[in-house]
Amino acid sequence: MFNRTTLMILIAALGAGLGLLVAQRVFDAPPAAADAPALQAARLLPPRELPAFSLRQSDGTPLVPGELRGHWTVVFLGFTHCPDVCPTTLAQLSQAQKRWETLPESVRPRVLFVSVDPERDTPDRIGEYAHGFHRDTLAATADVPALEQFTRSLSLVFAKVAAGEGRPETEYTMDHSATLVLLDPQGRMAGIVQAPFDPNAVGTDLLTLTKEAAR
């Protein structure tokens, strides 16, 4: 369970993570190649390898880096008790997913919903929740330390927020980054999409990136 000190550390980490992305974009990113794809919503970054991680998918099987290879993957953090941002974003992503449903499954982009609330979100629950938006959405979670390691590698953060005074402890909520992270077909962090999200733009961008990867 997060205490106040941990929460402050996470907030500081969020600032540092955002600063890292901005600095990387402004100072370290090489100039776009002349034949770089024109994207509407996604911002590409220099690809960055992710450290080893292991999440648990909704079907109970482990999700490890190798399983994300071969596809562009859109990663979104959330939790099933989320009242607004999570269902809205997953609904928008489901519209984007319709844009690439006709692509072969072997290269079709993926949406990965990662629950940061393992205390309440069992594998069965996150699977039912995610598939309610689109049947192809992957859903995974892990224990808190593993989630912290995974989200930190994507420059994302989350924190448990206690219920208000006089309310049951089980009514806590979760604060989390709302930015979408793009993993390339090599499983590397390669871009971000920031709110507000345009489903058509996100769908078009992933189609473009998939076609470019197939060249």
N, C-alpha and C. Protein backbone atom coordinates (compact mmCIF):
# COMPACT_ATOMS: atom_id res chain seq x y z
N MET A 1 0.85 -1.19 0.00
CA MET A 1 0.00 0.00 0.00
C MET A 1 0.88 1.24 0.00
N PHE A 2 0.51 2.23 -0.79
CA PHE A 2 1.31 3.42 -0.88
C PHE A 2 1.07 4.32 0.32
N ASN A 3 2.15 4.88 0.90
CA ASN A 3 2.00 5.91 1.92
C ASN A 3 2.28 7.26 1.28
N ARG A 4 2.21 8.33 2.09
CA ARG A 4 2.37 9.67 1.54
C ARG A 4 3.75 9.88 0.94
N THR A 5 4.77 9.32 1.59
CA THR A 5 6.12 9.47 1.08
C THR A 5 6.27 8.82 -0.29
N THR A 6 5.72 7.60 -0.41
CA THR A 6 5.78 6.91 -1.70
C THR A 6 5.07 7.70 -2.78
N LEU A 7 3.91 8.27 -2.42
CA LEU A 7 3.15 9.06 -3.39
C LEU A 7 3.96 10.25 -3.87
N MET A 8 4.64 10.92 -2.96
CA MET A 8 5.44 12.07 -3.35
C MET A 8 6.60 11.65 -4.27
N ILE A 9 7.17 10.48 -3.98
CA ILE A 9 8.24 9.97 -4.84
C ILE A 9 7.72 9.69 -6.24
N LEU A 10 6.51 9.11 -6.32
CA LEU A 10 5.93 8.81 -7.62
C LEU A 10 5.63 10.09 -8.39
N ILE A 11 5.15 11.11 -7.69
CA ILE A 11 4.87 12.38 -8.36
C ILE A 11 6.16 12.98 -8.90
N ALA A 12 7.22 12.89 -8.09
CA ALA A 12 8.51 13.39 -8.55
C ALA A 12 9.00 12.60 -9.75
N ALA A 13 8.77 11.27 -9.71
CA ALA A 13 9.19 10.43 -10.83
C ALA A 13 8.44 10.79 -12.10
N LEU A 14 7.16 11.16 -11.96
CA LEU A 14 6.38 11.57 -13.11
C LEU A 14 7.00 12.80 -13.76
N GLY A 15 7.35 13.77 -12.92
CA GLY A 15 7.98 14.96 -13.45
C GLY A 15 9.29 14.64 -14.14
N ALA A 16 10.07 13.75 -13.52
CA ALA A 16 11.35 13.37 -14.12
C ALA A 16 11.13 12.63 -15.43
N GLY A 17 10.12 11.75 -15.45
CA GLY A 17 9.86 10.98 -16.66
C GLY A 17 9.44 11.87 -17.82
N LEU A 18 8.55 12.83 -17.54
CA LEU A 18 8.12 13.75 -18.57
C LEU A 18 9.29 14.61 -19.04
N GLY A 19 10.11 15.01 -18.08
CA GLY A 19 11.28 15.79 -18.44
C GLY A 19 12.22 15.01 -19.33
N LEU A 20 12.36 13.70 -19.04
CA LEU A 20 13.22 12.84 -19.85
C LEU A 20 12.72 12.76 -21.28
N LEU A 21 11.40 12.60 -21.43
CA LEU A 21 10.84 12.52 -22.77
C LEU A 21 11.04 13.81 -23.54
N VAL A 22 10.80 14.93 -22.88
CA VAL A 22 10.98 16.21 -23.55
C VAL A 22 12.44 16.42 -23.95
N ALA A 23 13.34 16.14 -22.99
CA ALA A 23 14.75 16.32 -23.28
C ALA A 23 15.20 15.41 -24.41
N GLN A 24 14.72 14.17 -24.37
CA GLN A 24 15.10 13.21 -25.40
C GLN A 24 14.61 13.67 -26.76
N ARG A 25 13.39 14.21 -26.77
CA ARG A 25 12.80 14.67 -28.02
C ARG A 25 13.55 15.88 -28.58
N VAL A 26 13.87 16.83 -27.71
CA VAL A 26 14.46 18.08 -28.16
C VAL A 26 15.94 17.95 -28.44
N PHE A 27 16.67 17.24 -27.56
CA PHE A 27 18.12 17.24 -27.65
C PHE A 27 18.72 15.99 -28.29
N ASP A 28 18.08 14.84 -28.09
CA ASP A 28 18.69 13.58 -28.52
C ASP A 28 18.10 13.00 -29.79
N ALA A 29 16.87 13.35 -30.10
CA ALA A 29 16.23 12.74 -31.26
C ALA A 29 16.91 13.19 -32.55
N PRO A 30 17.28 12.26 -33.42
CA PRO A 30 17.89 12.64 -34.68
C PRO A 30 16.85 13.30 -35.58
N PRO A 31 17.26 14.11 -36.53
CA PRO A 31 16.29 14.72 -37.44
C PRO A 31 15.54 13.65 -38.21
N ALA A 32 14.27 13.93 -38.51
CA ALA A 32 13.44 12.96 -39.22
C ALA A 32 14.02 12.68 -40.59
N ALA A 33 14.01 11.42 -40.97
CA ALA A 33 14.51 11.05 -42.30
C ALA A 33 13.54 11.58 -43.35
N ALA A 34 14.06 11.77 -44.54
CA ALA A 34 13.23 12.33 -45.60
C ALA A 34 12.04 11.43 -45.91
N ASP A 35 12.22 10.11 -45.72
CA ASP A 35 11.14 9.18 -46.02
C ASP A 35 10.39 8.73 -44.77
N ALA A 36 10.55 9.46 -43.65
CA ALA A 36 9.84 9.11 -42.42
C ALA A 36 8.34 9.26 -42.64
N PRO A 37 7.54 8.35 -42.06
CA PRO A 37 6.09 8.43 -42.27
C PRO A 37 5.51 9.69 -41.65
N ALA A 38 4.55 10.29 -42.32
CA ALA A 38 3.85 11.46 -41.79
C ALA A 38 2.75 10.96 -40.86
N LEU A 39 2.83 11.32 -39.59
CA LEU A 39 1.87 10.84 -38.60
C LEU A 39 1.01 11.99 -38.08
N GLN A 40 -0.20 11.67 -37.71
CA GLN A 40 -1.15 12.68 -37.26
C GLN A 40 -1.17 12.85 -35.74
N ALA A 41 -1.10 11.75 -35.01
CA ALA A 41 -1.24 11.80 -33.56
C ALA A 41 -0.01 11.31 -32.82
N ALA A 42 0.67 10.32 -33.37
CA ALA A 42 1.81 9.71 -32.69
C ALA A 42 3.05 10.57 -32.83
N ARG A 43 3.86 10.59 -31.79
CA ARG A 43 5.17 11.25 -31.80
C ARG A 43 6.22 10.16 -31.63
N LEU A 44 7.01 9.95 -32.66
CA LEU A 44 8.04 8.92 -32.59
C LEU A 44 9.24 9.41 -31.80
N LEU A 45 9.86 8.50 -31.06
CA LEU A 45 11.05 8.77 -30.27
C LEU A 45 12.14 7.80 -30.68
N PRO A 46 13.40 8.11 -30.38
CA PRO A 46 14.45 7.13 -30.64
C PRO A 46 14.12 5.82 -29.92
N PRO A 47 14.06 4.69 -30.60
CA PRO A 47 13.68 3.43 -29.95
C PRO A 47 14.55 3.13 -28.73
N ARG A 48 13.90 2.64 -27.66
CA ARG A 48 14.59 2.35 -26.42
C ARG A 48 14.23 0.95 -25.95
N GLU A 49 15.23 0.13 -25.75
CA GLU A 49 15.00 -1.24 -25.26
C GLU A 49 14.39 -1.20 -23.87
N LEU A 50 13.46 -2.11 -23.60
CA LEU A 50 12.86 -2.20 -22.28
C LEU A 50 13.58 -3.26 -21.45
N PRO A 51 13.74 -3.02 -20.17
CA PRO A 51 14.33 -4.06 -19.32
C PRO A 51 13.36 -5.24 -19.23
N ALA A 52 13.87 -6.36 -18.79
CA ALA A 52 13.02 -7.56 -18.67
C ALA A 52 11.82 -7.28 -17.78
N PHE A 53 10.68 -7.81 -18.19
CA PHE A 53 9.47 -7.66 -17.38
C PHE A 53 8.63 -8.91 -17.54
N SER A 54 7.70 -9.10 -16.62
CA SER A 54 6.77 -10.23 -16.70
C SER A 54 5.44 -9.80 -16.11
N LEU A 55 4.44 -9.69 -16.97
CA LEU A 55 3.08 -9.39 -16.56
C LEU A 55 2.24 -10.65 -16.68
N ARG A 56 1.05 -10.62 -16.10
CA ARG A 56 0.17 -11.78 -16.15
C ARG A 56 -1.04 -11.42 -16.99
N GLN A 57 -1.25 -12.17 -18.10
CA GLN A 57 -2.37 -11.87 -18.99
C GLN A 57 -3.69 -12.37 -18.41
N SER A 58 -4.76 -11.91 -19.03
CA SER A 58 -6.09 -12.26 -18.54
C SER A 58 -6.38 -13.75 -18.61
N ASP A 59 -5.68 -14.47 -19.50
CA ASP A 59 -5.88 -15.92 -19.58
C ASP A 59 -4.95 -16.68 -18.65
N GLY A 60 -4.20 -15.94 -17.83
CA GLY A 60 -3.32 -16.57 -16.85
C GLY A 60 -1.91 -16.82 -17.33
N THR A 61 -1.65 -16.63 -18.62
CA THR A 61 -0.32 -16.87 -19.15
C THR A 61 0.56 -15.63 -18.96
N PRO A 62 1.88 -15.81 -18.87
CA PRO A 62 2.76 -14.65 -18.69
C PRO A 62 2.90 -13.84 -19.97
N LEU A 63 3.03 -12.55 -19.80
CA LEU A 63 3.32 -11.66 -20.93
C LEU A 63 4.74 -11.17 -20.74
N VAL A 64 5.62 -11.61 -21.61
CA VAL A 64 7.04 -11.25 -21.53
C VAL A 64 7.42 -10.52 -22.81
N PRO A 65 8.58 -9.82 -22.83
CA PRO A 65 8.94 -8.99 -23.98
C PRO A 65 8.81 -9.67 -25.33
N GLY A 66 9.24 -10.92 -25.44
CA GLY A 66 9.23 -11.59 -26.73
C GLY A 66 7.85 -11.69 -27.36
N GLU A 67 6.80 -11.75 -26.54
CA GLU A 67 5.45 -11.90 -27.07
C GLU A 67 4.94 -10.64 -27.74
N LEU A 68 5.58 -9.52 -27.52
CA LEU A 68 5.14 -8.27 -28.14
C LEU A 68 5.88 -7.99 -29.45
N ARG A 69 6.78 -8.87 -29.84
CA ARG A 69 7.52 -8.67 -31.08
C ARG A 69 6.65 -8.98 -32.30
N GLY A 70 6.93 -8.27 -33.38
CA GLY A 70 6.21 -8.51 -34.63
C GLY A 70 5.02 -7.61 -34.85
N HIS A 71 4.65 -6.84 -33.85
CA HIS A 71 3.49 -5.96 -33.93
C HIS A 71 3.83 -4.59 -33.34
N TRP A 72 3.20 -3.55 -33.84
CA TRP A 72 3.16 -2.29 -33.11
C TRP A 72 2.14 -2.47 -31.99
N THR A 73 2.48 -2.02 -30.80
CA THR A 73 1.62 -2.21 -29.63
C THR A 73 1.36 -0.87 -28.96
N VAL A 74 0.09 -0.61 -28.66
CA VAL A 74 -0.31 0.59 -27.94
C VAL A 74 -0.56 0.19 -26.49
N VAL A 75 0.21 0.75 -25.56
CA VAL A 75 0.10 0.42 -24.14
C VAL A 75 -0.67 1.53 -23.42
N PHE A 76 -1.68 1.12 -22.65
CA PHE A 76 -2.48 2.08 -21.88
C PHE A 76 -2.63 1.58 -20.45
N LEU A 77 -2.31 2.42 -19.48
CA LEU A 77 -2.50 2.07 -18.07
C LEU A 77 -3.92 2.42 -17.63
N GLY A 78 -4.46 1.62 -16.70
CA GLY A 78 -5.79 1.94 -16.19
C GLY A 78 -6.19 0.96 -15.10
N PHE A 79 -7.48 0.95 -14.78
CA PHE A 79 -8.02 0.01 -13.81
C PHE A 79 -9.52 -0.06 -14.02
N THR A 80 -10.12 -1.19 -13.65
CA THR A 80 -11.52 -1.42 -14.02
C THR A 80 -12.51 -0.59 -13.23
N HIS A 81 -12.10 -0.05 -12.07
CA HIS A 81 -12.99 0.81 -11.29
C HIS A 81 -12.89 2.27 -11.71
N CYS A 82 -12.11 2.55 -12.74
CA CYS A 82 -11.91 3.92 -13.22
C CYS A 82 -13.25 4.48 -13.71
N PRO A 83 -13.64 5.67 -13.25
CA PRO A 83 -14.96 6.19 -13.60
C PRO A 83 -15.05 6.88 -14.95
N ASP A 84 -13.94 7.34 -15.51
CA ASP A 84 -14.07 8.16 -16.72
C ASP A 84 -12.95 7.96 -17.73
N VAL A 85 -11.71 8.29 -17.35
CA VAL A 85 -10.62 8.28 -18.32
C VAL A 85 -10.43 6.91 -18.97
N CYS A 86 -10.43 5.86 -18.17
CA CYS A 86 -10.15 4.52 -18.71
C CYS A 86 -11.22 4.05 -19.70
N PRO A 87 -12.50 4.07 -19.32
CA PRO A 87 -13.50 3.62 -20.30
C PRO A 87 -13.56 4.50 -21.54
N THR A 88 -13.34 5.81 -21.35
CA THR A 88 -13.36 6.70 -22.51
C THR A 88 -12.21 6.38 -23.46
N THR A 89 -11.01 6.20 -22.91
CA THR A 89 -9.84 5.91 -23.74
C THR A 89 -9.97 4.56 -24.42
N LEU A 90 -10.43 3.54 -23.71
CA LEU A 90 -10.57 2.22 -24.33
C LEU A 90 -11.64 2.24 -25.41
N ALA A 91 -12.68 3.03 -25.22
CA ALA A 91 -13.71 3.17 -26.26
C ALA A 91 -13.11 3.84 -27.50
N GLN A 92 -12.28 4.86 -27.28
CA GLN A 92 -11.62 5.52 -28.41
C GLN A 92 -10.66 4.58 -29.12
N LEU A 93 -9.91 3.80 -28.34
CA LEU A 93 -8.99 2.84 -28.94
C LEU A 93 -9.73 1.75 -29.71
N SER A 94 -10.92 1.38 -29.24
CA SER A 94 -11.69 0.36 -29.96
C SER A 94 -12.09 0.87 -31.33
N GLN A 95 -12.34 2.17 -31.44
CA GLN A 95 -12.64 2.76 -32.75
C GLN A 95 -11.41 2.72 -33.64
N ALA A 96 -10.25 3.02 -33.05
CA ALA A 96 -9.00 2.94 -33.81
C ALA A 96 -8.74 1.51 -34.27
N GLN A 97 -9.02 0.54 -33.42
CA GLN A 97 -8.77 -0.87 -33.76
C GLN A 97 -9.57 -1.32 -34.97
N LYS A 98 -10.74 -0.73 -35.16
CA LYS A 98 -11.56 -1.10 -36.31
C LYS A 98 -10.87 -0.74 -37.62
N ARG A 99 -9.96 0.24 -37.56
CA ARG A 99 -9.26 0.68 -38.77
C ARG A 99 -8.29 -0.38 -39.27
N TRP A 100 -7.82 -1.25 -38.38
CA TRP A 100 -6.81 -2.23 -38.82
C TRP A 100 -7.29 -3.68 -38.64
N GLU A 101 -8.58 -3.88 -38.47
CA GLU A 101 -9.10 -5.25 -38.29
C GLU A 101 -8.86 -6.14 -39.51
N THR A 102 -8.75 -5.54 -40.68
CA THR A 102 -8.60 -6.35 -41.89
C THR A 102 -7.15 -6.76 -42.14
N LEU A 103 -6.22 -6.22 -41.36
CA LEU A 103 -4.82 -6.62 -41.52
C LEU A 103 -4.63 -8.06 -41.05
N PRO A 104 -3.65 -8.78 -41.60
CA PRO A 104 -3.37 -10.14 -41.11
C PRO A 104 -3.05 -10.12 -39.62
N GLU A 105 -3.50 -11.12 -38.91
CA GLU A 105 -3.28 -11.18 -37.46
C GLU A 105 -1.79 -11.15 -37.13
N SER A 106 -0.97 -11.65 -38.03
CA SER A 106 0.46 -11.74 -37.77
C SER A 106 1.15 -10.38 -37.66
N VAL A 107 0.53 -9.34 -38.22
CA VAL A 107 1.13 -8.00 -38.15
C VAL A 107 0.18 -6.96 -37.58
N ARG A 108 -1.04 -7.37 -37.28
CA ARG A 108 -2.06 -6.43 -36.81
C ARG A 108 -1.61 -5.74 -35.51
N PRO A 109 -1.70 -4.40 -35.44
CA PRO A 109 -1.34 -3.70 -34.20
C PRO A 109 -2.15 -4.22 -33.02
N ARG A 110 -1.57 -4.08 -31.84
CA ARG A 110 -2.22 -4.55 -30.62
C ARG A 110 -2.46 -3.39 -29.67
N VAL A 111 -3.50 -3.52 -28.89
CA VAL A 111 -3.74 -2.62 -27.76
C VAL A 111 -3.56 -3.44 -26.50
N LEU A 112 -2.69 -2.96 -25.60
CA LEU A 112 -2.42 -3.66 -24.35
C LEU A 112 -2.89 -2.79 -23.19
N PHE A 113 -3.93 -3.23 -22.49
CA PHE A 113 -4.45 -2.56 -21.30
C PHE A 113 -3.77 -3.18 -20.08
N VAL A 114 -3.06 -2.36 -19.33
CA VAL A 114 -2.34 -2.84 -18.14
C VAL A 114 -3.02 -2.27 -16.90
N SER A 115 -3.63 -3.13 -16.10
CA SER A 115 -4.26 -2.67 -14.87
C SER A 115 -3.21 -2.42 -13.80
N VAL A 116 -3.28 -1.24 -13.19
CA VAL A 116 -2.36 -0.89 -12.10
C VAL A 116 -3.04 -1.05 -10.74
N ASP A 117 -4.12 -1.85 -10.72
CA ASP A 117 -4.88 -2.09 -9.48
C ASP A 117 -5.01 -3.59 -9.23
N PRO A 118 -3.88 -4.28 -9.02
CA PRO A 118 -3.94 -5.74 -8.87
C PRO A 118 -4.70 -6.19 -7.64
N GLU A 119 -4.89 -5.30 -6.67
CA GLU A 119 -5.64 -5.67 -5.47
C GLU A 119 -7.08 -6.02 -5.79
N ARG A 120 -7.67 -5.34 -6.76
CA ARG A 120 -9.07 -5.61 -7.11
C ARG A 120 -9.22 -6.24 -8.50
N ASP A 121 -8.26 -6.02 -9.37
CA ASP A 121 -8.39 -6.48 -10.75
C ASP A 121 -7.72 -7.83 -10.97
N THR A 122 -8.52 -8.88 -10.91
CA THR A 122 -8.03 -10.23 -11.18
C THR A 122 -7.87 -10.40 -12.70
N PRO A 123 -7.12 -11.39 -13.12
CA PRO A 123 -6.99 -11.63 -14.56
C PRO A 123 -8.34 -11.79 -15.26
N ASP A 124 -9.25 -12.54 -14.66
CA ASP A 124 -10.57 -12.71 -15.27
C ASP A 124 -11.29 -11.38 -15.42
N ARG A 125 -11.20 -10.55 -14.41
CA ARG A 125 -11.91 -9.28 -14.42
C ARG A 125 -11.36 -8.35 -15.51
N ILE A 126 -10.03 -8.25 -15.61
CA ILE A 126 -9.48 -7.33 -16.61
C ILE A 126 -9.74 -7.84 -18.03
N GLY A 127 -9.78 -9.17 -18.19
CA GLY A 127 -10.08 -9.72 -19.51
C GLY A 127 -11.50 -9.38 -19.93
N GLU A 128 -12.44 -9.59 -19.03
CA GLU A 128 -13.83 -9.28 -19.33
C GLU A 128 -14.02 -7.80 -19.60
N TYR A 129 -13.34 -6.99 -18.81
CA TYR A 129 -13.45 -5.54 -18.96
C TYR A 129 -12.88 -5.08 -20.31
N ALA A 130 -11.66 -5.49 -20.62
CA ALA A 130 -11.02 -5.06 -21.86
C ALA A 130 -11.74 -5.57 -23.09
N HIS A 131 -12.17 -6.82 -23.06
CA HIS A 131 -12.85 -7.40 -24.21
C HIS A 131 -14.23 -6.81 -24.43
N GLY A 132 -14.76 -6.17 -23.41
CA GLY A 132 -16.04 -5.48 -23.57
C GLY A 132 -15.93 -4.30 -24.51
N PHE A 133 -14.71 -3.79 -24.69
CA PHE A 133 -14.49 -2.68 -25.61
C PHE A 133 -14.09 -3.19 -27.00
N HIS A 134 -13.18 -4.17 -27.03
CA HIS A 134 -12.79 -4.78 -28.31
C HIS A 134 -12.22 -6.17 -28.02
N ARG A 135 -12.63 -7.13 -28.80
CA ARG A 135 -12.25 -8.53 -28.56
C ARG A 135 -10.75 -8.76 -28.68
N ASP A 136 -10.03 -7.91 -29.44
CA ASP A 136 -8.60 -8.12 -29.64
C ASP A 136 -7.72 -7.47 -28.58
N THR A 137 -8.31 -6.69 -27.69
CA THR A 137 -7.49 -5.98 -26.70
C THR A 137 -6.85 -6.97 -25.73
N LEU A 138 -5.55 -6.84 -25.55
CA LEU A 138 -4.83 -7.63 -24.56
C LEU A 138 -4.97 -6.97 -23.20
N ALA A 139 -5.04 -7.77 -22.15
CA ALA A 139 -5.15 -7.23 -20.80
C ALA A 139 -4.18 -7.96 -19.90
N ALA A 140 -3.49 -7.21 -19.05
CA ALA A 140 -2.50 -7.82 -18.17
C ALA A 140 -2.36 -7.00 -16.90
N THR A 141 -1.79 -7.62 -15.89
CA THR A 141 -1.48 -6.94 -14.64
C THR A 141 -0.32 -7.69 -13.99
N ALA A 142 0.03 -7.31 -12.77
CA ALA A 142 1.13 -7.96 -12.05
C ALA A 142 1.07 -7.46 -10.62
N ASP A 143 2.00 -7.93 -9.78
CA ASP A 143 2.04 -7.36 -8.44
C ASP A 143 2.62 -5.95 -8.53
N VAL A 144 2.48 -5.18 -7.45
CA VAL A 144 2.87 -3.77 -7.50
C VAL A 144 4.33 -3.57 -7.87
N PRO A 145 5.30 -4.29 -7.27
CA PRO A 145 6.70 -4.06 -7.66
C PRO A 145 6.95 -4.29 -9.15
N ALA A 146 6.35 -5.34 -9.72
CA ALA A 146 6.54 -5.61 -11.14
C ALA A 146 5.89 -4.53 -11.99
N LEU A 147 4.73 -4.04 -11.56
CA LEU A 147 4.06 -2.96 -12.28
C LEU A 147 4.89 -1.68 -12.23
N GLU A 148 5.46 -1.39 -11.06
CA GLU A 148 6.29 -0.19 -10.93
C GLU A 148 7.48 -0.26 -11.87
N GLN A 149 8.12 -1.42 -11.96
CA GLN A 149 9.28 -1.58 -12.84
C GLN A 149 8.87 -1.40 -14.30
N PHE A 150 7.76 -2.02 -14.68
CA PHE A 150 7.31 -1.94 -16.07
C PHE A 150 6.92 -0.52 -16.45
N THR A 151 6.11 0.13 -15.62
CA THR A 151 5.64 1.48 -15.95
C THR A 151 6.80 2.47 -15.94
N ARG A 152 7.73 2.30 -15.01
CA ARG A 152 8.88 3.20 -14.95
C ARG A 152 9.71 3.10 -16.23
N SER A 153 9.80 1.91 -16.80
CA SER A 153 10.58 1.73 -18.03
C SER A 153 9.93 2.46 -19.21
N LEU A 154 8.62 2.77 -19.08
CA LEU A 154 7.90 3.50 -20.12
C LEU A 154 7.75 4.98 -19.77
N SER A 155 8.41 5.42 -18.69
CA SER A 155 8.29 6.80 -18.21
C SER A 155 6.85 7.13 -17.82
N LEU A 156 6.14 6.13 -17.30
CA LEU A 156 4.78 6.30 -16.81
C LEU A 156 4.76 6.02 -15.31
N VAL A 157 3.73 6.50 -14.61
CA VAL A 157 3.63 6.28 -13.17
C VAL A 157 2.18 6.01 -12.77
N PHE A 158 2.01 5.48 -11.58
CA PHE A 158 0.69 5.30 -11.00
C PHE A 158 0.82 5.39 -9.49
N ALA A 159 -0.29 5.66 -8.82
CA ALA A 159 -0.28 5.76 -7.36
C ALA A 159 -1.67 5.47 -6.82
N LYS A 160 -1.70 4.78 -5.70
CA LYS A 160 -2.96 4.49 -5.02
C LYS A 160 -3.35 5.70 -4.18
N VAL A 161 -4.61 6.11 -4.29
CA VAL A 161 -5.11 7.27 -3.56
C VAL A 161 -6.20 6.80 -2.60
N ALA A 162 -5.95 7.00 -1.31
CA ALA A 162 -6.88 6.50 -0.29
C ALA A 162 -8.24 7.16 -0.41
N ALA A 163 -9.26 6.44 0.04
CA ALA A 163 -10.62 6.97 0.07
C ALA A 163 -10.68 8.13 1.06
N GLY A 164 -11.65 9.01 0.88
CA GLY A 164 -11.79 10.15 1.76
C GLY A 164 -12.17 9.74 3.17
N GLU A 165 -12.02 10.65 4.09
CA GLU A 165 -12.32 10.38 5.50
C GLU A 165 -13.76 9.90 5.66
N GLY A 166 -13.90 8.85 6.43
CA GLY A 166 -15.22 8.30 6.69
C GLY A 166 -15.71 7.32 5.65
N ARG A 167 -14.91 7.09 4.60
CA ARG A 167 -15.30 6.14 3.55
C ARG A 167 -14.52 4.85 3.70
N PRO A 168 -15.08 3.73 3.26
CA PRO A 168 -14.38 2.44 3.38
C PRO A 168 -13.06 2.45 2.64
N GLU A 169 -12.06 1.74 3.17
CA GLU A 169 -10.74 1.68 2.54
C GLU A 169 -10.81 1.08 1.14
N THR A 170 -11.82 0.25 0.90
CA THR A 170 -11.94 -0.40 -0.41
C THR A 170 -12.38 0.56 -1.50
N GLU A 171 -12.76 1.78 -1.14
CA GLU A 171 -13.21 2.75 -2.14
C GLU A 171 -12.07 3.65 -2.63
N TYR A 172 -10.85 3.18 -2.49
CA TYR A 172 -9.71 3.96 -2.98
C TYR A 172 -9.78 4.07 -4.50
N THR A 173 -8.99 4.99 -5.05
CA THR A 173 -8.88 5.09 -6.50
C THR A 173 -7.41 5.04 -6.89
N MET A 174 -7.14 5.08 -8.18
CA MET A 174 -5.77 5.01 -8.68
C MET A 174 -5.51 6.20 -9.60
N ASP A 175 -4.45 6.93 -9.32
CA ASP A 175 -3.97 7.95 -10.25
C ASP A 175 -2.95 7.29 -11.16
N HIS A 176 -3.00 7.63 -12.45
CA HIS A 176 -2.05 7.01 -13.38
C HIS A 176 -1.87 7.89 -14.61
N SER A 177 -0.75 7.69 -15.27
CA SER A 177 -0.49 8.40 -16.52
C SER A 177 -1.53 8.02 -17.56
N ALA A 178 -1.96 9.00 -18.35
CA ALA A 178 -2.96 8.75 -19.39
C ALA A 178 -2.35 8.68 -20.79
N THR A 179 -1.06 8.99 -20.90
CA THR A 179 -0.38 8.94 -22.20
C THR A 179 -0.33 7.51 -22.73
N LEU A 180 -0.54 7.36 -24.01
CA LEU A 180 -0.37 6.07 -24.67
C LEU A 180 1.09 5.91 -25.07
N VAL A 181 1.64 4.73 -24.87
CA VAL A 181 3.02 4.45 -25.27
C VAL A 181 3.00 3.46 -26.43
N LEU A 182 3.82 3.72 -27.43
CA LEU A 182 3.91 2.85 -28.59
C LEU A 182 5.17 2.00 -28.52
N LEU A 183 5.00 0.70 -28.65
CA LEU A 183 6.12 -0.22 -28.74
C LEU A 183 6.23 -0.67 -30.20
N ASP A 184 7.45 -0.67 -30.73
CA ASP A 184 7.63 -1.06 -32.12
C ASP A 184 7.68 -2.58 -32.26
N PRO A 185 7.75 -3.11 -33.48
CA PRO A 185 7.74 -4.57 -33.65
C PRO A 185 8.92 -5.29 -33.03
N GLN A 186 9.93 -4.56 -32.58
CA GLN A 186 11.04 -5.16 -31.84
C GLN A 186 10.80 -5.10 -30.33
N GLY A 187 9.63 -4.61 -29.92
CA GLY A 187 9.29 -4.53 -28.51
C GLY A 187 9.92 -3.37 -27.78
N ARG A 188 10.43 -2.37 -28.52
CA ARG A 188 11.08 -1.22 -27.91
C ARG A 188 10.10 -0.06 -27.76
N MET A 189 10.31 0.76 -26.74
CA MET A 189 9.52 1.98 -26.64
C MET A 189 9.94 2.89 -27.77
N ALA A 190 8.98 3.27 -28.64
CA ALA A 190 9.34 4.00 -29.85
C ALA A 190 8.47 5.23 -30.09
N GLY A 191 7.53 5.52 -29.20
CA GLY A 191 6.70 6.70 -29.43
C GLY A 191 5.64 6.85 -28.36
N ILE A 192 4.95 7.98 -28.42
CA ILE A 192 3.86 8.26 -27.49
C ILE A 192 2.72 8.93 -28.24
N VAL A 193 1.54 8.85 -27.66
CA VAL A 193 0.37 9.59 -28.13
C VAL A 193 -0.22 10.26 -26.90
N GLN A 194 -0.38 11.55 -26.95
CA GLN A 194 -0.88 12.28 -25.80
C GLN A 194 -2.32 12.72 -26.03
N ALA A 195 -3.07 12.80 -24.93
CA ALA A 195 -4.46 13.24 -24.99
C ALA A 195 -4.52 14.71 -25.39
N PRO A 196 -5.65 15.11 -25.98
CA PRO A 196 -6.85 14.32 -26.29
C PRO A 196 -6.63 13.42 -27.50
N PHE A 197 -7.26 12.25 -27.48
CA PHE A 197 -7.05 11.26 -28.51
C PHE A 197 -8.09 11.36 -29.62
N ASP A 198 -7.63 11.29 -30.84
CA ASP A 198 -8.50 11.24 -32.02
C ASP A 198 -8.43 9.81 -32.55
N PRO A 199 -9.48 9.02 -32.39
CA PRO A 199 -9.43 7.60 -32.79
C PRO A 199 -9.03 7.40 -34.24
N ASN A 200 -9.54 8.24 -35.14
CA ASN A 200 -9.21 8.09 -36.55
C ASN A 200 -7.73 8.35 -36.79
N ALA A 201 -7.18 9.37 -36.12
CA ALA A 201 -5.77 9.69 -36.29
C ALA A 201 -4.89 8.57 -35.74
N VAL A 202 -5.25 8.05 -34.55
CA VAL A 202 -4.48 6.96 -33.96
C VAL A 202 -4.54 5.72 -34.86
N GLY A 203 -5.73 5.41 -35.35
CA GLY A 203 -5.88 4.26 -36.24
C GLY A 203 -5.09 4.39 -37.51
N THR A 204 -5.14 5.58 -38.10
CA THR A 204 -4.39 5.83 -39.34
C THR A 204 -2.89 5.73 -39.10
N ASP A 205 -2.42 6.31 -37.99
CA ASP A 205 -0.99 6.26 -37.68
C ASP A 205 -0.50 4.83 -37.52
N LEU A 206 -1.26 3.99 -36.83
CA LEU A 206 -0.82 2.60 -36.62
C LEU A 206 -0.84 1.82 -37.93
N LEU A 207 -1.80 2.13 -38.80
CA LEU A 207 -1.80 1.51 -40.12
C LEU A 207 -0.54 1.91 -40.90
N THR A 208 -0.21 3.20 -40.85
CA THR A 208 0.97 3.70 -41.53
C THR A 208 2.24 3.05 -41.02
N LEU A 209 2.37 2.98 -39.69
CA LEU A 209 3.56 2.41 -39.09
C LEU A 209 3.69 0.91 -39.42
N THR A 210 2.57 0.21 -39.42
CA THR A 210 2.59 -1.21 -39.76
C THR A 210 3.04 -1.44 -41.19
N LYS A 211 2.52 -0.61 -42.10
CA LYS A 211 2.92 -0.75 -43.51
C LYS A 211 4.40 -0.42 -43.69
N GLU A 212 4.88 0.59 -42.97
CA GLU A 212 6.30 0.94 -43.06
C GLU A 212 7.18 -0.20 -42.55
N ALA A 213 6.73 -0.85 -41.47
CA ALA A 213 7.51 -1.95 -40.89
C ALA A 213 7.58 -3.16 -41.83
N ALA A 214 6.58 -3.27 -42.70
CA ALA A 214 6.52 -4.42 -43.61
C ALA A 214 7.39 -4.23 -44.84
N ARG A 215 7.89 -3.04 -45.03
CA ARG A 215 8.70 -2.78 -46.23
C ARG A 215 10.06 -3.48 -46.16
